[in-house]
Amino acid sequence: MKIFVDENIPLITVKELRKQRFDVIDIRGTLNQGITDKELWERVIYEKRLLITTDKGFSSHRDEKHCGILIIRLKQPTRLKIHQRVMQSIKKYSEKEWPGLMVVMRDSVQSSWRSRHK
């Protein structure tokens, strides 16, 4: 599965996803670090990747055609808590389920929406 992680996702998560053979783009330390959310979204769509982020602003794209959006929203986030919630979601949904799916993982609950434009 092709994944794009936003800069706010821990490196331990990126390493674990790659270890599990996912194709992960992490723009930290590249010339693209710090690009706007609009530019990031355009790249995610162009490259047909699942977006993993903590930025709730990406929820505005839930009804668009996309390859999946995973938003981690925790009251007191730590790298470990973010990592655990990401990995929980990746295990829960198969690659075939992600297109058009937006999942918001909170501390104790999860919400999901399916786009009309899969």
C-alpha atoms as a PDB file:
ATOM      1  CA  MET A   1       0.000   0.000   0.000  1.00  0.00           C
ATOM      2  CA  LYS A   2       1.189   3.501  -0.801  1.00  0.00           C
ATOM      3  CA  ILE A   3       1.189   5.879   2.189  1.00  0.00           C
ATOM      4  CA  PHE A   4       2.041   9.541   2.708  1.00  0.00           C
ATOM      5  CA  VAL A   5       2.785  10.537   6.307  1.00  0.00           C
ATOM      6  CA  ASP A   6       2.446  14.126   7.394  1.00  0.00           C
ATOM      7  CA  GLU A   7       5.355  15.654   9.311  1.00  0.00           C
ATOM      8  CA  ASN A   8       3.558  15.182  12.625  1.00  0.00           C
ATOM      9  CA  ILE A   9       3.638  11.372  12.459  1.00  0.00           C
ATOM     10  CA  PRO A  10       6.473   9.842  14.524  1.00  0.00           C
ATOM     11  CA  LEU A  11       9.523   8.362  12.838  1.00  0.00           C
ATOM     12  CA  ILE A  12       8.954   5.106  14.723  1.00  0.00           C
ATOM     13  CA  THR A  13       5.686   4.801  12.797  1.00  0.00           C
ATOM     14  CA  VAL A  14       7.372   5.456   9.455  1.00  0.00           C
ATOM     15  CA  LYS A  15      10.018   2.821  10.238  1.00  0.00           C
ATOM     16  CA  GLU A  16       7.411   0.259  11.311  1.00  0.00           C
ATOM     17  CA  LEU A  17       5.285   0.835   8.212  1.00  0.00           C
ATOM     18  CA  ARG A  18       8.329   0.403   5.987  1.00  0.00           C
ATOM     19  CA  LYS A  19       9.320  -2.709   7.928  1.00  0.00           C
ATOM     20  CA  GLN A  20       5.882  -4.090   7.059  1.00  0.00           C
ATOM     21  CA  ARG A  21       6.681  -3.423   3.375  1.00  0.00           C
ATOM     22  CA  PHE A  22       4.471  -0.367   2.862  1.00  0.00           C
ATOM     23  CA  ASP A  23       5.628   2.248   0.334  1.00  0.00           C
ATOM     24  CA  VAL A  24       5.892   5.285   2.644  1.00  0.00           C
ATOM     25  CA  ILE A  25       6.715   8.878   1.724  1.00  0.00           C
ATOM     26  CA  ASP A  26       7.933  11.032   4.607  1.00  0.00           C
ATOM     27  CA  ILE A  27       8.913  14.562   3.553  1.00  0.00           C
ATOM     28  CA  ARG A  28      10.811  15.414   6.729  1.00  0.00           C
ATOM     29  CA  GLY A  29      14.317  16.503   5.877  1.00  0.00           C
ATOM     30  CA  THR A  30      13.512  17.012   2.194  1.00  0.00           C
ATOM     31  CA  LEU A  31      12.969  20.160   0.137  1.00  0.00           C
ATOM     32  CA  ASN A  32       9.213  19.519   0.456  1.00  0.00           C
ATOM     33  CA  GLN A  33       9.226  19.770   4.241  1.00  0.00           C
ATOM     34  CA  GLY A  34       6.891  22.552   5.307  1.00  0.00           C
ATOM     35  CA  ILE A  35       4.754  22.582   2.153  1.00  0.00           C
ATOM     36  CA  THR A  36       1.236  23.908   2.575  1.00  0.00           C
ATOM     37  CA  ASP A  37      -1.672  21.596   3.323  1.00  0.00           C
ATOM     38  CA  LYS A  38      -3.028  22.355  -0.150  1.00  0.00           C
ATOM     39  CA  GLU A  39       0.257  21.286  -1.788  1.00  0.00           C
ATOM     40  CA  LEU A  40       0.455  18.222   0.416  1.00  0.00           C
ATOM     41  CA  TRP A  41      -3.111  17.187  -0.478  1.00  0.00           C
ATOM     42  CA  GLU A  42      -2.447  17.676  -4.197  1.00  0.00           C
ATOM     43  CA  ARG A  43       0.598  15.419  -3.949  1.00  0.00           C
ATOM     44  CA  VAL A  44      -1.320  12.763  -1.982  1.00  0.00           C
ATOM     45  CA  ILE A  45      -4.042  12.737  -4.648  1.00  0.00           C
ATOM     46  CA  TYR A  46      -1.598  12.763  -7.575  1.00  0.00           C
ATOM     47  CA  GLU A  47       0.406   9.863  -6.132  1.00  0.00           C
ATOM     48  CA  LYS A  48      -2.733   7.964  -5.026  1.00  0.00           C
ATOM     49  CA  ARG A  49      -1.632   7.488  -1.425  1.00  0.00           C
ATOM     50  CA  LEU A  50      -3.302   7.008   1.938  1.00  0.00           C
ATOM     51  CA  LEU A  51      -2.678  10.141   4.032  1.00  0.00           C
ATOM     52  CA  ILE A  52      -1.781   9.718   7.701  1.00  0.00           C
ATOM     53  CA  THR A  53      -1.857  12.937   9.740  1.00  0.00           C
ATOM     54  CA  THR A  54      -2.858  14.574  13.023  1.00  0.00           C
ATOM     55  CA  ASP A  55      -4.217  17.619  11.166  1.00  0.00           C
ATOM     56  CA  LYS A  56      -8.014  17.638  11.424  1.00  0.00           C
ATOM     57  CA  GLY A  57      -8.171  20.164   8.559  1.00  0.00           C
ATOM     58  CA  PHE A  58      -7.850  17.290   6.090  1.00  0.00           C
ATOM     59  CA  SER A  59     -11.294  16.068   7.150  1.00  0.00           C
ATOM     60  CA  SER A  60     -12.696  18.697   4.760  1.00  0.00           C
ATOM     61  CA  HIS A  61     -11.631  16.368   1.916  1.00  0.00           C
ATOM     62  CA  ARG A  62     -13.645  13.379   3.133  1.00  0.00           C
ATOM     63  CA  ASP A  63     -16.260  13.591   0.369  1.00  0.00           C
ATOM     64  CA  GLU A  64     -13.686  13.912  -2.408  1.00  0.00           C
ATOM     65  CA  LYS A  65     -12.174  11.017  -4.311  1.00  0.00           C
ATOM     66  CA  HIS A  66      -9.096   9.858  -2.379  1.00  0.00           C
ATOM     67  CA  CYS A  67      -7.116   6.765  -1.395  1.00  0.00           C
ATOM     68  CA  GLY A  68      -7.820   7.110   2.310  1.00  0.00           C
ATOM     69  CA  ILE A  69      -7.354   9.583   5.130  1.00  0.00           C
ATOM     70  CA  LEU A  70      -6.288   8.572   8.634  1.00  0.00           C
ATOM     71  CA  ILE A  71      -6.438  11.367  11.207  1.00  0.00           C
ATOM     72  CA  ILE A  72      -5.123  10.825  14.720  1.00  0.00           C
ATOM     73  CA  ARG A  73      -6.773  13.189  17.251  1.00  0.00           C
ATOM     74  CA  LEU A  74      -5.628  12.622  20.836  1.00  0.00           C
ATOM     75  CA  LYS A  75      -6.138  14.888  23.858  1.00  0.00           C
ATOM     76  CA  GLN A  76      -2.563  14.439  25.082  1.00  0.00           C
ATOM     77  CA  PRO A  77      -0.646  13.015  22.136  1.00  0.00           C
ATOM     78  CA  THR A  78       2.743  11.428  22.534  1.00  0.00           C
ATOM     79  CA  ARG A  79       4.806   9.736  19.849  1.00  0.00           C
ATOM     80  CA  LEU A  80       3.960   6.338  21.303  1.00  0.00           C
ATOM     81  CA  LYS A  81       0.204   7.013  21.514  1.00  0.00           C
ATOM     82  CA  ILE A  82       0.102   8.333  17.933  1.00  0.00           C
ATOM     83  CA  HIS A  83       2.122   5.337  16.766  1.00  0.00           C
ATOM     84  CA  GLN A  84      -0.194   2.865  18.501  1.00  0.00           C
ATOM     85  CA  ARG A  85      -3.346   4.412  17.016  1.00  0.00           C
ATOM     86  CA  VAL A  86      -1.865   4.483  13.505  1.00  0.00           C
ATOM     87  CA  MET A  87      -0.804   0.854  13.691  1.00  0.00           C
ATOM     88  CA  GLN A  88      -4.188  -0.148  15.113  1.00  0.00           C
ATOM     89  CA  SER A  89      -5.926   1.416  12.096  1.00  0.00           C
ATOM     90  CA  ILE A  90      -3.522  -0.044   9.564  1.00  0.00           C
ATOM     91  CA  LYS A  91      -4.186  -3.515  10.986  1.00  0.00           C
ATOM     92  CA  LYS A  92      -7.953  -2.997  11.113  1.00  0.00           C
ATOM     93  CA  TYR A  93      -8.501  -1.996   7.464  1.00  0.00           C
ATOM     94  CA  SER A  94      -7.208  -3.810   4.425  1.00  0.00           C
ATOM     95  CA  GLU A  95      -5.628  -2.019   1.477  1.00  0.00           C
ATOM     96  CA  LYS A  96      -8.840  -2.526  -0.501  1.00  0.00           C
ATOM     97  CA  GLU A  97     -10.944  -0.816   2.198  1.00  0.00           C
ATOM     98  CA  TRP A  98      -8.972   2.451   2.340  1.00  0.00           C
ATOM     99  CA  PRO A  99      -9.993   4.138  -0.947  1.00  0.00           C
ATOM    100  CA  GLY A 100     -12.698   6.674  -0.085  1.00  0.00           C
ATOM    101  CA  LEU A 101     -12.455   5.931   3.654  1.00  0.00           C
ATOM    102  CA  MET A 102     -11.650   8.554   6.280  1.00  0.00           C
ATOM    103  CA  VAL A 103     -10.915   7.314   9.795  1.00  0.00           C
ATOM    104  CA  VAL A 104     -10.491   9.558  12.830  1.00  0.00           C
ATOM    105  CA  MET A 105      -8.828   7.786  15.733  1.00  0.00           C
ATOM    106  CA  ARG A 106      -9.367   9.407  19.113  1.00  0.00           C
ATOM    107  CA  ASP A 107      -8.244   8.340  22.582  1.00  0.00           C
ATOM    108  CA  SER A 108     -10.927   5.726  23.086  1.00  0.00           C
ATOM    109  CA  VAL A 109     -13.198   5.862  20.037  1.00  0.00           C
ATOM    110  CA  GLN A 110     -12.916   5.785  16.305  1.00  0.00           C
ATOM    111  CA  SER A 111     -15.132   7.374  13.665  1.00  0.00           C
ATOM    112  CA  SER A 112     -15.184   6.568   9.978  1.00  0.00           C
ATOM    113  CA  TRP A 113     -16.802   8.036   6.859  1.00  0.00           C
ATOM    114  CA  ARG A 114     -17.066   6.669   3.371  1.00  0.00           C
ATOM    115  CA  SER A 115     -16.782   9.119   0.452  1.00  0.00           C
ATOM    116  CA  ARG A 116     -19.417   9.024  -2.233  1.00  0.00           C
ATOM    117  CA  HIS A 117     -16.512   9.161  -4.716  1.00  0.00           C
ATOM    118  CA  LYS A 118     -14.564   5.983  -4.120  1.00  0.00           C
END
